[in-house]
Amino acid sequence: MTIEKHQVKITVLKKHFHKDFVDKYAADPDRWTECTHFELGQQFVTPIEAPWEIPDGFCGWAWADIQKLVYGMARGGQEKFVTSCTDGYRPVIFLLERLQDS
């Protein structure tokens, strides 16, 4: 049995900052700002032979949240999916796309 192998492109679609949550619930509200790790439109592509490995420059916390989706897509799962990191104060929304000609 041959396992499909595809690269997955990850695009930053949107960044949110819930200042109301920070002001109400954060222990140190002054330290919280919008996520500075990603820029809107920024793209990353997974390596075809090791889709479980974090792409260069990608946030480790966000990768922990989305890696199982990326791995499934790299092995022939859905073609497109929108997901996010689980930071409740400043979530980042990603578009995942399985690349066909890997």
PDB file of N, CA and C in Angstrom:
ATOM      1  N   MET A   1       0.834  -1.176   0.000  1.00  0.00           N
ATOM      2  CA  MET A   1       0.000   0.000   0.000  1.00  0.00           C
ATOM      3  C   MET A   1       0.885   1.248   0.000  1.00  0.00           C
ATOM      4  N   THR A   2       0.602   2.154  -0.909  1.00  0.00           N
ATOM      5  CA  THR A   2       1.356   3.389  -1.003  1.00  0.00           C
ATOM      6  C   THR A   2       0.628   4.499  -0.262  1.00  0.00           C
ATOM      7  N   ILE A   3       1.341   5.183   0.591  1.00  0.00           N
ATOM      8  CA  ILE A   3       0.762   6.301   1.333  1.00  0.00           C
ATOM      9  C   ILE A   3       0.969   7.564   0.522  1.00  0.00           C
ATOM     10  N   GLU A   4      -0.123   8.326   0.354  1.00  0.00           N
ATOM     11  CA  GLU A   4      -0.006   9.600  -0.349  1.00  0.00           C
ATOM     12  C   GLU A   4       0.908  10.536   0.421  1.00  0.00           C
ATOM     13  N   LYS A   5       1.636  11.357  -0.314  1.00  0.00           N
ATOM     14  CA  LYS A   5       2.503  12.353   0.300  1.00  0.00           C
ATOM     15  C   LYS A   5       2.278  13.685  -0.396  1.00  0.00           C
ATOM     16  N   HIS A   6       1.930  14.674   0.372  1.00  0.00           N
ATOM     17  CA  HIS A   6       1.688  16.017  -0.154  1.00  0.00           C
ATOM     18  C   HIS A   6       2.295  17.049   0.781  1.00  0.00           C
ATOM     19  N   GLN A   7       2.683  18.150   0.202  1.00  0.00           N
ATOM     20  CA  GLN A   7       3.043  19.292   1.024  1.00  0.00           C
ATOM     21  C   GLN A   7       1.749  20.007   1.406  1.00  0.00           C
ATOM     22  N   VAL A   8       1.793  20.736   2.501  1.00  0.00           N
ATOM     23  CA  VAL A   8       0.649  21.524   2.932  1.00  0.00           C
ATOM     24  C   VAL A   8       1.107  22.971   3.084  1.00  0.00           C
ATOM     25  N   LYS A   9       0.368  23.865   2.438  1.00  0.00           N
ATOM     26  CA  LYS A   9       0.655  25.292   2.558  1.00  0.00           C
ATOM     27  C   LYS A   9      -0.214  25.857   3.675  1.00  0.00           C
ATOM     28  N   ILE A  10       0.393  26.644   4.536  1.00  0.00           N
ATOM     29  CA  ILE A  10      -0.293  27.273   5.665  1.00  0.00           C
ATOM     30  C   ILE A  10      -0.228  28.784   5.444  1.00  0.00           C
ATOM     31  N   THR A  11      -1.392  29.421   5.385  1.00  0.00           N
ATOM     32  CA  THR A  11      -1.463  30.864   5.155  1.00  0.00           C
ATOM     33  C   THR A  11      -2.139  31.527   6.348  1.00  0.00           C
ATOM     34  N   VAL A  12      -1.562  32.614   6.833  1.00  0.00           N
ATOM     35  CA  VAL A  12      -2.158  33.387   7.924  1.00  0.00           C
ATOM     36  C   VAL A  12      -3.281  34.243   7.337  1.00  0.00           C
ATOM     37  N   LEU A  13      -4.525  33.939   7.746  1.00  0.00           N
ATOM     38  CA  LEU A  13      -5.686  34.658   7.230  1.00  0.00           C
ATOM     39  C   LEU A  13      -6.066  35.868   8.070  1.00  0.00           C
ATOM     40  N   LYS A  14      -6.000  35.716   9.385  1.00  0.00           N
ATOM     41  CA  LYS A  14      -6.504  36.765  10.262  1.00  0.00           C
ATOM     42  C   LYS A  14      -5.871  36.636  11.637  1.00  0.00           C
ATOM     43  N   LYS A  15      -5.713  37.772  12.298  1.00  0.00           N
ATOM     44  CA  LYS A  15      -5.240  37.795  13.674  1.00  0.00           C
ATOM     45  C   LYS A  15      -6.261  38.573  14.494  1.00  0.00           C
ATOM     46  N   HIS A  16      -6.602  38.035  15.648  1.00  0.00           N
ATOM     47  CA  HIS A  16      -7.544  38.700  16.546  1.00  0.00           C
ATOM     48  C   HIS A  16      -6.823  39.085  17.831  1.00  0.00           C
ATOM     49  N   PHE A  17      -7.354  40.099  18.491  1.00  0.00           N
ATOM     50  CA  PHE A  17      -6.882  40.445  19.827  1.00  0.00           C
ATOM     51  C   PHE A  17      -8.108  40.796  20.663  1.00  0.00           C
ATOM     52  N   HIS A  18      -8.378  39.999  21.683  1.00  0.00           N
ATOM     53  CA  HIS A  18      -9.543  40.176  22.541  1.00  0.00           C
ATOM     54  C   HIS A  18      -9.153  40.965  23.793  1.00  0.00           C
ATOM     55  N   LYS A  19      -9.026  42.285  23.616  1.00  0.00           N
ATOM     56  CA  LYS A  19      -8.630  43.149  24.727  1.00  0.00           C
ATOM     57  C   LYS A  19      -9.619  43.060  25.884  1.00  0.00           C
ATOM     58  N   ASP A  20     -10.886  42.880  25.583  1.00  0.00           N
ATOM     59  CA  ASP A  20     -11.878  42.767  26.657  1.00  0.00           C
ATOM     60  C   ASP A  20     -11.602  41.548  27.536  1.00  0.00           C
ATOM     61  N   PHE A  21     -11.191  40.441  26.937  1.00  0.00           N
ATOM     62  CA  PHE A  21     -10.843  39.248  27.718  1.00  0.00           C
ATOM     63  C   PHE A  21      -9.574  39.487  28.533  1.00  0.00           C
ATOM     64  N   VAL A  22      -8.588  40.119  27.899  1.00  0.00           N
ATOM     65  CA  VAL A  22      -7.330  40.412  28.581  1.00  0.00           C
ATOM     66  C   VAL A  22      -7.591  41.291  29.800  1.00  0.00           C
ATOM     67  N   ASP A  23      -8.349  42.359  29.587  1.00  0.00           N
ATOM     68  CA  ASP A  23      -8.625  43.284  30.691  1.00  0.00           C
ATOM     69  C   ASP A  23      -9.382  42.614  31.836  1.00  0.00           C
ATOM     70  N   LYS A  24     -10.250  41.684  31.490  1.00  0.00           N
ATOM     71  CA  LYS A  24     -11.081  41.046  32.512  1.00  0.00           C
ATOM     72  C   LYS A  24     -10.402  39.846  33.180  1.00  0.00           C
ATOM     73  N   TYR A  25      -9.610  39.076  32.433  1.00  0.00           N
ATOM     74  CA  TYR A  25      -9.144  37.788  32.953  1.00  0.00           C
ATOM     75  C   TYR A  25      -7.626  37.626  33.099  1.00  0.00           C
ATOM     76  N   ALA A  26      -6.840  38.385  32.371  1.00  0.00           N
ATOM     77  CA  ALA A  26      -5.383  38.179  32.399  1.00  0.00           C
ATOM     78  C   ALA A  26      -4.785  38.677  33.714  1.00  0.00           C
ATOM     79  N   ALA A  27      -3.829  37.915  34.226  1.00  0.00           N
ATOM     80  CA  ALA A  27      -3.163  38.294  35.473  1.00  0.00           C
ATOM     81  C   ALA A  27      -2.336  39.566  35.291  1.00  0.00           C
ATOM     82  N   ASP A  28      -1.761  39.751  34.116  1.00  0.00           N
ATOM     83  CA  ASP A  28      -0.934  40.923  33.834  1.00  0.00           C
ATOM     84  C   ASP A  28      -1.371  41.515  32.496  1.00  0.00           C
ATOM     85  N   PRO A  29      -2.485  42.252  32.464  1.00  0.00           N
ATOM     86  CA  PRO A  29      -3.049  42.710  31.199  1.00  0.00           C
ATOM     87  C   PRO A  29      -2.127  43.593  30.360  1.00  0.00           C
ATOM     88  N   ASP A  30      -1.194  44.285  30.971  1.00  0.00           N
ATOM     89  CA  ASP A  30      -0.318  45.180  30.213  1.00  0.00           C
ATOM     90  C   ASP A  30       0.689  44.434  29.336  1.00  0.00           C
ATOM     91  N   ARG A  31       0.912  43.167  29.598  1.00  0.00           N
ATOM     92  CA  ARG A  31       1.889  42.415  28.812  1.00  0.00           C
ATOM     93  C   ARG A  31       1.304  41.826  27.535  1.00  0.00           C
ATOM     94  N   TRP A  32      -0.008  41.850  27.387  1.00  0.00           N
ATOM     95  CA  TRP A  32      -0.671  41.220  26.245  1.00  0.00           C
ATOM     96  C   TRP A  32      -0.874  42.198  25.096  1.00  0.00           C
ATOM     97  N   THR A  33      -0.520  41.771  23.890  1.00  0.00           N
ATOM     98  CA  THR A  33      -0.757  42.527  22.658  1.00  0.00           C
ATOM     99  C   THR A  33      -1.185  41.535  21.581  1.00  0.00           C
ATOM    100  N   GLU A  34      -1.534  42.057  20.430  1.00  0.00           N
ATOM    101  CA  GLU A  34      -1.820  41.188  19.289  1.00  0.00           C
ATOM    102  C   GLU A  34      -0.596  40.313  19.019  1.00  0.00           C
ATOM    103  N   CYS A  35      -0.807  39.104  18.521  1.00  0.00           N
ATOM    104  CA  CYS A  35       0.305  38.203  18.196  1.00  0.00           C
ATOM    105  C   CYS A  35       1.280  38.892  17.241  1.00  0.00           C
ATOM    106  N   THR A  36       2.539  38.879  17.610  1.00  0.00           N
ATOM    107  CA  THR A  36       3.567  39.493  16.771  1.00  0.00           C
ATOM    108  C   THR A  36       4.401  38.453  16.022  1.00  0.00           C
ATOM    109  N   HIS A  37       4.048  37.181  16.202  1.00  0.00           N
ATOM    110  CA  HIS A  37       4.827  36.121  15.546  1.00  0.00           C
ATOM    111  C   HIS A  37       4.500  36.007  14.058  1.00  0.00           C
ATOM    112  N   PHE A  38       3.253  36.298  13.706  1.00  0.00           N
ATOM    113  CA  PHE A  38       2.802  36.128  12.322  1.00  0.00           C
ATOM    114  C   PHE A  38       2.369  37.451  11.716  1.00  0.00           C
ATOM    115  N   GLU A  39       2.450  37.528  10.378  1.00  0.00           N
ATOM    116  CA  GLU A  39       1.936  38.653   9.614  1.00  0.00           C
ATOM    117  C   GLU A  39       0.811  38.151   8.714  1.00  0.00           C
ATOM    118  N   LEU A  40      -0.185  38.992   8.475  1.00  0.00           N
ATOM    119  CA  LEU A  40      -1.273  38.613   7.577  1.00  0.00           C
ATOM    120  C   LEU A  40      -0.708  38.242   6.211  1.00  0.00           C
ATOM    121  N   GLY A  41      -1.208  37.142   5.646  1.00  0.00           N
ATOM    122  CA  GLY A  41      -0.754  36.683   4.341  1.00  0.00           C
ATOM    123  C   GLY A  41       0.517  35.860   4.359  1.00  0.00           C
ATOM    124  N   GLN A  42       1.186  35.807   5.487  1.00  0.00           N
ATOM    125  CA  GLN A  42       2.420  35.027   5.596  1.00  0.00           C
ATOM    126  C   GLN A  42       2.129  33.567   5.270  1.00  0.00           C
ATOM    127  N   GLN A  43       3.054  32.903   4.566  1.00  0.00           N
ATOM    128  CA  GLN A  43       2.851  31.514   4.163  1.00  0.00           C
ATOM    129  C   GLN A  43       4.029  30.638   4.575  1.00  0.00           C
ATOM    130  N   PHE A  44       3.675  29.384   4.852  1.00  0.00           N
ATOM    131  CA  PHE A  44       4.651  28.356   5.212  1.00  0.00           C
ATOM    132  C   PHE A  44       4.272  27.100   4.440  1.00  0.00           C
ATOM    133  N   VAL A  45       5.264  26.284   4.085  1.00  0.00           N
ATOM    134  CA  VAL A  45       5.001  25.012   3.399  1.00  0.00           C
ATOM    135  C   VAL A  45       5.734  23.909   4.149  1.00  0.00           C
ATOM    136  N   THR A  46       5.024  22.812   4.403  1.00  0.00           N
ATOM    137  CA  THR A  46       5.625  21.684   5.118  1.00  0.00           C
ATOM    138  C   THR A  46       6.528  20.881   4.188  1.00  0.00           C
ATOM    139  N   PRO A  47       7.554  20.260   4.740  1.00  0.00           N
ATOM    140  CA  PRO A  47       8.397  19.383   3.913  1.00  0.00           C
ATOM    141  C   PRO A  47       7.620  18.114   3.549  1.00  0.00           C
ATOM    142  N   ILE A  48       7.747  17.669   2.322  1.00  0.00           N
ATOM    143  CA  ILE A  48       6.961  16.515   1.853  1.00  0.00           C
ATOM    144  C   ILE A  48       7.333  15.232   2.589  1.00  0.00           C
ATOM    145  N   GLU A  49       8.588  15.031   2.917  1.00  0.00           N
ATOM    146  CA  GLU A  49       9.006  13.789   3.558  1.00  0.00           C
ATOM    147  C   GLU A  49       8.804  13.781   5.068  1.00  0.00           C
ATOM    148  N   ALA A  50       8.544  14.943   5.651  1.00  0.00           N
ATOM    149  CA  ALA A  50       8.380  15.012   7.107  1.00  0.00           C
ATOM    150  C   ALA A  50       7.330  16.066   7.473  1.00  0.00           C
ATOM    151  N   PRO A  51       6.050  15.814   7.106  1.00  0.00           N
ATOM    152  CA  PRO A  51       5.016  16.818   7.345  1.00  0.00           C
ATOM    153  C   PRO A  51       4.717  17.049   8.824  1.00  0.00           C
ATOM    154  N   TRP A  52       5.256  16.219   9.690  1.00  0.00           N
ATOM    155  CA  TRP A  52       5.049  16.399  11.129  1.00  0.00           C
ATOM    156  C   TRP A  52       6.045  17.407  11.713  1.00  0.00           C
ATOM    157  N   GLU A  53       7.042  17.793  10.918  1.00  0.00           N
ATOM    158  CA  GLU A  53       8.050  18.745  11.393  1.00  0.00           C
ATOM    159  C   GLU A  53       7.572  20.175  11.202  1.00  0.00           C
ATOM    160  N   ILE A  54       7.818  20.995  12.198  1.00  0.00           N
ATOM    161  CA  ILE A  54       7.406  22.388  12.168  1.00  0.00           C
ATOM    162  C   ILE A  54       8.139  23.141  11.055  1.00  0.00           C
ATOM    163  N   PRO A  55       7.415  23.880  10.222  1.00  0.00           N
ATOM    164  CA  PRO A  55       8.094  24.678   9.185  1.00  0.00           C
ATOM    165  C   PRO A  55       8.985  25.756   9.818  1.00  0.00           C
ATOM    166  N   ASP A  56      10.060  26.102   9.154  1.00  0.00           N
ATOM    167  CA  ASP A  56      10.976  27.131   9.649  1.00  0.00           C
ATOM    168  C   ASP A  56      10.216  28.424   9.926  1.00  0.00           C
ATOM    169  N   GLY A  57      10.430  28.998  11.104  1.00  0.00           N
ATOM    170  CA  GLY A  57       9.832  30.268  11.465  1.00  0.00           C
ATOM    171  C   GLY A  57       8.421  30.205  12.001  1.00  0.00           C
ATOM    172  N   PHE A  58       7.835  29.009  12.076  1.00  0.00           N
ATOM    173  CA  PHE A  58       6.460  28.875  12.553  1.00  0.00           C
ATOM    174  C   PHE A  58       6.443  28.850  14.084  1.00  0.00           C
ATOM    175  N   CYS A  59       5.420  29.410  14.684  1.00  0.00           N
ATOM    176  CA  CYS A  59       5.275  29.436  16.144  1.00  0.00           C
ATOM    177  C   CYS A  59       5.053  28.023  16.691  1.00  0.00           C
ATOM    178  N   GLY A  60       5.841  27.625  17.661  1.00  0.00           N
ATOM    179  CA  GLY A  60       5.730  26.288  18.241  1.00  0.00           C
ATOM    180  C   GLY A  60       4.391  26.029  18.908  1.00  0.00           C
ATOM    181  N   TRP A  61       3.841  27.039  19.573  1.00  0.00           N
ATOM    182  CA  TRP A  61       2.538  26.876  20.234  1.00  0.00           C
ATOM    183  C   TRP A  61       1.434  26.675  19.202  1.00  0.00           C
ATOM    184  N   ALA A  62       1.452  27.470  18.139  1.00  0.00           N
ATOM    185  CA  ALA A  62       0.439  27.323  17.085  1.00  0.00           C
ATOM    186  C   ALA A  62       0.604  25.976  16.369  1.00  0.00           C
ATOM    187  N   TRP A  63       1.849  25.552  16.158  1.00  0.00           N
ATOM    188  CA  TRP A  63       2.094  24.262  15.507  1.00  0.00           C
ATOM    189  C   TRP A  63       1.512  23.118  16.326  1.00  0.00           C
ATOM    190  N   ALA A  64       1.669  23.188  17.635  1.00  0.00           N
ATOM    191  CA  ALA A  64       1.107  22.145  18.505  1.00  0.00           C
ATOM    192  C   ALA A  64      -0.410  22.052  18.325  1.00  0.00           C
ATOM    193  N   ASP A  65      -1.051  23.169  18.027  1.00  0.00           N
ATOM    194  CA  ASP A  65      -2.500  23.189  17.844  1.00  0.00           C
ATOM    195  C   ASP A  65      -2.946  22.638  16.496  1.00  0.00           C
ATOM    196  N   ILE A  66      -2.158  22.814  15.440  1.00  0.00           N
ATOM    197  CA  ILE A  66      -2.636  22.462  14.093  1.00  0.00           C
ATOM    198  C   ILE A  66      -1.923  21.276  13.456  1.00  0.00           C
ATOM    199  N   GLN A  67      -0.874  20.751  14.077  1.00  0.00           N
ATOM    200  CA  GLN A  67      -0.044  19.746  13.400  1.00  0.00           C
ATOM    201  C   GLN A  67      -0.804  18.475  13.010  1.00  0.00           C
ATOM    202  N   LYS A  68      -1.754  18.028  13.812  1.00  0.00           N
ATOM    203  CA  LYS A  68      -2.472  16.800  13.434  1.00  0.00           C
ATOM    204  C   LYS A  68      -3.324  17.010  12.186  1.00  0.00           C
ATOM    205  N   LEU A  69      -3.868  18.214  12.014  1.00  0.00           N
ATOM    206  CA  LEU A  69      -4.636  18.519  10.800  1.00  0.00           C
ATOM    207  C   LEU A  69      -3.711  18.552   9.585  1.00  0.00           C
ATOM    208  N   VAL A  70      -2.567  19.184   9.742  1.00  0.00           N
ATOM    209  CA  VAL A  70      -1.589  19.273   8.654  1.00  0.00           C
ATOM    210  C   VAL A  70      -1.129  17.872   8.252  1.00  0.00           C
ATOM    211  N   TYR A  71      -0.814  17.043   9.222  1.00  0.00           N
ATOM    212  CA  TYR A  71      -0.339  15.687   8.929  1.00  0.00           C
ATOM    213  C   TYR A  71      -1.400  14.880   8.179  1.00  0.00           C
ATOM    214  N   GLY A  72      -2.647  14.990   8.598  1.00  0.00           N
ATOM    215  CA  GLY A  72      -3.733  14.288   7.908  1.00  0.00           C
ATOM    216  C   GLY A  72      -3.885  14.750   6.470  1.00  0.00           C
ATOM    217  N   MET A  73      -3.785  16.030   6.250  1.00  0.00           N
ATOM    218  CA  MET A  73      -3.885  16.558   4.887  1.00  0.00           C
ATOM    219  C   MET A  73      -2.704  16.110   4.038  1.00  0.00           C
ATOM    220  N   ALA A  74      -1.522  16.067   4.630  1.00  0.00           N
ATOM    221  CA  ALA A  74      -0.322  15.647   3.903  1.00  0.00           C
ATOM    222  C   ALA A  74      -0.415  14.193   3.454  1.00  0.00           C
ATOM    223  N   ARG A  75      -1.221  13.430   4.131  1.00  0.00           N
ATOM    224  CA  ARG A  75      -1.406  12.014   3.802  1.00  0.00           C
ATOM    225  C   ARG A  75      -2.698  11.755   3.041  1.00  0.00           C
ATOM    226  N   GLY A  76      -3.245  12.806   2.394  1.00  0.00           N
ATOM    227  CA  GLY A  76      -4.387  12.613   1.500  1.00  0.00           C
ATOM    228  C   GLY A  76      -5.717  13.052   2.069  1.00  0.00           C
ATOM    229  N   GLY A  77      -5.725  13.713   3.196  1.00  0.00           N
ATOM    230  CA  GLY A  77      -6.981  14.183   3.790  1.00  0.00           C
ATOM    231  C   GLY A  77      -7.577  15.348   3.016  1.00  0.00           C
ATOM    232  N   GLN A  78      -8.371  16.142   3.697  1.00  0.00           N
ATOM    233  CA  GLN A  78      -9.060  17.265   3.069  1.00  0.00           C
ATOM    234  C   GLN A  78      -8.120  18.123   2.243  1.00  0.00           C
ATOM    235  N   GLU A  79      -8.693  18.775   1.208  1.00  0.00           N
ATOM    236  CA  GLU A  79      -7.883  19.647   0.362  1.00  0.00           C
ATOM    237  C   GLU A  79      -7.682  21.014   0.984  1.00  0.00           C
ATOM    238  N   LYS A  80      -8.693  21.533   1.689  1.00  0.00           N
ATOM    239  CA  LYS A  80      -8.609  22.841   2.337  1.00  0.00           C
ATOM    240  C   LYS A  80      -9.289  22.784   3.690  1.00  0.00           C
ATOM    241  N   PHE A  81      -8.780  23.580   4.623  1.00  0.00           N
ATOM    242  CA  PHE A  81      -9.379  23.635   5.950  1.00  0.00           C
ATOM    243  C   PHE A  81      -8.958  24.936   6.619  1.00  0.00           C
ATOM    244  N   VAL A  82      -9.862  25.545   7.353  1.00  0.00           N
ATOM    245  CA  VAL A  82      -9.545  26.738   8.125  1.00  0.00           C
ATOM    246  C   VAL A  82      -9.527  26.352   9.596  1.00  0.00           C
ATOM    247  N   THR A  83      -8.467  26.752  10.287  1.00  0.00           N
ATOM    248  CA  THR A  83      -8.311  26.424  11.698  1.00  0.00           C
ATOM    249  C   THR A  83      -7.599  27.580  12.399  1.00  0.00           C
ATOM    250  N   SER A  84      -7.372  27.438  13.695  1.00  0.00           N
ATOM    251  CA  SER A  84      -6.705  28.505  14.434  1.00  0.00           C
ATOM    252  C   SER A  84      -5.874  27.927  15.570  1.00  0.00           C
ATOM    253  N   CYS A  85      -5.009  28.781  16.107  1.00  0.00           N
ATOM    254  CA  CYS A  85      -4.313  28.397  17.327  1.00  0.00           C
ATOM    255  C   CYS A  85      -5.298  28.596  18.483  1.00  0.00           C
ATOM    256  N   THR A  86      -4.989  28.054  19.623  1.00  0.00           N
ATOM    257  CA  THR A  86      -5.941  28.081  20.737  1.00  0.00           C
ATOM    258  C   THR A  86      -5.664  29.183  21.751  1.00  0.00           C
ATOM    259  N   ASP A  87      -4.922  30.203  21.366  1.00  0.00           N
ATOM    260  CA  ASP A  87      -4.679  31.331  22.254  1.00  0.00           C
ATOM    261  C   ASP A  87      -5.970  32.151  22.348  1.00  0.00           C
ATOM    262  N   GLY A  88      -6.634  32.080  23.469  1.00  0.00           N
ATOM    263  CA  GLY A  88      -7.922  32.746  23.627  1.00  0.00           C
ATOM    264  C   GLY A  88      -7.845  34.260  23.634  1.00  0.00           C
ATOM    265  N   TYR A  89      -6.695  34.817  23.981  1.00  0.00           N
ATOM    266  CA  TYR A  89      -6.537  36.268  24.000  1.00  0.00           C
ATOM    267  C   TYR A  89      -6.188  36.829  22.622  1.00  0.00           C
ATOM    268  N   ARG A  90      -5.420  36.047  21.849  1.00  0.00           N
ATOM    269  CA  ARG A  90      -4.948  36.555  20.555  1.00  0.00           C
ATOM    270  C   ARG A  90      -4.815  35.425  19.530  1.00  0.00           C
ATOM    271  N   PRO A  91      -5.938  34.820  19.162  1.00  0.00           N
ATOM    272  CA  PRO A  91      -5.883  33.707  18.211  1.00  0.00           C
ATOM    273  C   PRO A  91      -5.514  34.153  16.797  1.00  0.00           C
ATOM    274  N   VAL A  92      -4.839  33.257  16.103  1.00  0.00           N
ATOM    275  CA  VAL A  92      -4.474  33.469  14.703  1.00  0.00           C
ATOM    276  C   VAL A  92      -5.214  32.417  13.883  1.00  0.00           C
ATOM    277  N   ILE A  93      -5.820  32.855  12.775  1.00  0.00           N
ATOM    278  CA  ILE A  93      -6.603  31.976  11.902  1.00  0.00           C
ATOM    279  C   ILE A  93      -5.735  31.600  10.695  1.00  0.00           C
ATOM    280  N   PHE A  94      -5.710  30.304  10.379  1.00  0.00           N
ATOM    281  CA  PHE A  94      -4.891  29.784   9.280  1.00  0.00           C
ATOM    282  C   PHE A  94      -5.745  29.083   8.236  1.00  0.00           C
ATOM    283  N   LEU A  95      -5.346  29.217   6.975  1.00  0.00           N
ATOM    284  CA  LEU A  95      -5.886  28.410   5.888  1.00  0.00           C
ATOM    285  C   LEU A  95      -4.854  27.332   5.598  1.00  0.00           C
ATOM    286  N   LEU A  96      -5.279  26.076   5.633  1.00  0.00           N
ATOM    287  CA  LEU A  96      -4.420  24.945   5.277  1.00  0.00           C
ATOM    288  C   LEU A  96      -4.846  24.455   3.903  1.00  0.00           C
ATOM    289  N   GLU A  97      -3.887  24.265   2.999  1.00  0.00           N
ATOM    290  CA  GLU A  97      -4.194  23.774   1.653  1.00  0.00           C
ATOM    291  C   GLU A  97      -3.239  22.650   1.282  1.00  0.00           C
ATOM    292  N   ARG A  98      -3.807  21.509   0.922  1.00  0.00           N
ATOM    293  CA  ARG A  98      -2.985  20.390   0.448  1.00  0.00           C
ATOM    294  C   ARG A  98      -2.540  20.706  -0.971  1.00  0.00           C
ATOM    295  N   LEU A  99      -1.242  20.652  -1.213  1.00  0.00           N
ATOM    296  CA  LEU A  99      -0.710  20.926  -2.537  1.00  0.00           C
ATOM    297  C   LEU A  99      -0.723  19.640  -3.349  1.00  0.00           C
ATOM    298  N   GLN A 100      -1.163  19.728  -4.585  1.00  0.00           N
ATOM    299  CA  GLN A 100      -1.370  18.549  -5.420  1.00  0.00           C
ATOM    300  C   GLN A 100      -0.101  18.058  -6.104  1.00  0.00           C
ATOM    301  N   ASP A 101       0.742  18.949  -6.560  1.00  0.00           N
ATOM    302  CA  ASP A 101       1.896  18.557  -7.334  1.00  0.00           C
ATOM    303  C   ASP A 101       3.171  18.538  -6.501  1.00  0.00           C
ATOM    304  N   SER A 102       3.120  17.790  -5.410  1.00  0.00           N
ATOM    305  CA  SER A 102       4.284  17.716  -4.526  1.00  0.00           C
ATOM    306  C   SER A 102       5.230  16.643  -4.981  1.00  0.00           C
TER     307      SER A 102
END
